[in-house]
Protein backbone atom coordinates (compact mmCIF):
# COMPACT_ATOMS: atom_id res chain seq x y z
CA UNK A 1 6.00 12.64 17.98
CA UNK A 2 7.49 10.44 20.66
CA UNK A 3 8.55 6.91 19.98
CA UNK A 4 10.06 4.25 22.18
CA UNK A 5 10.83 0.58 22.19
CA UNK A 6 9.05 -1.46 24.84
CA UNK A 7 11.33 -4.17 26.14
CA UNK A 8 9.81 -7.58 26.94
CA UNK A 9 9.17 -7.87 30.66
CA UNK A 10 9.51 -4.11 31.21
CA UNK A 11 7.63 -2.73 34.20
CA UNK A 12 6.18 0.75 34.62
CA UNK A 13 7.62 2.80 37.45
CA UNK A 14 5.30 4.18 40.13
CA UNK A 15 5.75 7.64 38.58
CA UNK A 16 4.72 6.32 35.12
CA UNK A 17 1.68 4.59 36.61
CA UNK A 18 0.67 7.85 38.30
CA UNK A 19 1.08 9.73 35.01
CA UNK A 20 -1.29 7.25 33.35
CA UNK A 21 -3.88 7.64 36.13
CA UNK A 22 -3.72 11.42 35.70
CA UNK A 23 -3.95 11.20 31.90
CA UNK A 24 -7.16 9.13 32.18
CA UNK A 25 -8.80 12.04 34.01
CA UNK A 26 -8.00 14.60 31.29
CA UNK A 27 -10.51 15.37 28.53
CA UNK A 28 -9.81 14.33 24.96
CA UNK A 29 -8.86 17.32 22.81
CA UNK A 30 -9.70 17.02 19.12
CA UNK A 31 -8.11 19.16 16.40
CA UNK A 32 -7.65 19.20 12.61
CA UNK A 33 -4.94 16.53 12.77
CA UNK A 34 -6.90 14.36 15.17
CA UNK A 35 -10.63 14.90 14.63
CA UNK A 36 -13.37 13.19 16.56
CA UNK A 37 -14.31 9.86 14.98
CA UNK A 38 -17.56 10.01 13.05
CA UNK A 39 -19.85 7.06 12.42
CA UNK A 40 -18.70 6.90 8.79
CA UNK A 41 -15.05 6.94 9.82
CA UNK A 42 -15.68 4.15 12.31
CA UNK A 43 -17.39 2.05 9.62
CA UNK A 44 -14.44 2.64 7.27
CA UNK A 45 -11.94 1.48 9.93
CA UNK A 46 -14.00 -1.64 10.65
CA UNK A 47 -14.31 -2.44 6.93
CA UNK A 48 -10.56 -1.99 6.44
CA UNK A 49 -9.82 -4.34 9.34
CA UNK A 50 -12.18 -6.99 7.96
CA UNK A 51 -10.69 -6.63 4.49
CA UNK A 52 -7.16 -7.22 5.73
CA UNK A 53 -7.49 -9.10 9.04
CA UNK A 54 -4.12 -10.79 8.92
CA UNK A 55 -0.88 -9.44 10.26
CA UNK A 56 2.03 -8.99 7.90
CA UNK A 57 5.71 -9.49 8.45
CA UNK A 58 8.04 -6.77 7.17
CA UNK A 59 10.29 -8.01 4.40
CA UNK A 60 12.93 -6.35 2.26
CA UNK A 61 12.78 -7.43 -1.35
CA UNK A 62 14.91 -6.02 -4.13
CA UNK A 63 12.77 -5.25 -7.18
CA UNK A 64 13.89 -3.78 -10.49
CA UNK A 65 13.13 -0.13 -11.10
CA UNK A 66 11.01 -1.05 -14.12
CA UNK A 67 8.80 -3.34 -11.98
CA UNK A 68 8.38 -0.57 -9.40
CA UNK A 69 7.37 1.90 -12.12
CA UNK A 70 4.85 -0.55 -13.58
CA UNK A 71 3.34 -1.18 -10.14
CA UNK A 72 3.15 2.57 -9.43
CA UNK A 73 1.44 3.19 -12.78
CA UNK A 74 -1.53 1.01 -11.75
CA UNK A 75 -2.51 3.63 -9.13
CA UNK A 76 -3.20 2.86 -5.51
CA UNK A 77 -0.83 1.39 -2.95
CA UNK A 78 1.90 -0.18 -5.08
CA UNK A 79 3.56 -1.80 -2.06
CA UNK A 80 0.34 -3.57 -1.15
CA UNK A 81 -0.05 -4.59 -4.80
CA UNK A 82 3.44 -6.12 -4.88
CA UNK A 83 2.74 -7.91 -1.59
CA UNK A 84 -0.46 -9.42 -2.97
CA UNK A 85 1.31 -10.49 -6.16
CA UNK A 86 4.06 -12.15 -4.13
CA UNK A 87 1.46 -13.97 -1.99
CA UNK A 88 -0.30 -15.17 -5.13
CA UNK A 89 2.95 -16.30 -6.78
CA UNK A 90 4.01 -18.29 -3.71
CA UNK A 91 0.59 -19.93 -3.45
CA UNK A 92 0.69 -20.90 -7.14
CA UNK A 93 4.25 -22.21 -6.77
CA UNK A 94 3.24 -24.43 -3.85
CA UNK A 95 0.23 -25.90 -5.65
CA UNK A 96 2.13 -26.77 -8.83
């Protein structure tokens, strides 16, 4: 895996632009880790996007180990669960 940080205002070099032009001409190669998207997979991606259309901001919150264990015991994505609970708590706090 290759990762990089794109700096605001960064410009591609002529060599990088040429590499992109060449990459566009190459065929897509699917494998077990990157299979071709099926109609069902596409529908699932669209449904997931509609279900959670907002963007989130990363946040570090210190939570007791017992709370983490309780959240994990519910099954599913415990981080998402804690995020939803925090959203709900803030909304209730504001309206009271």
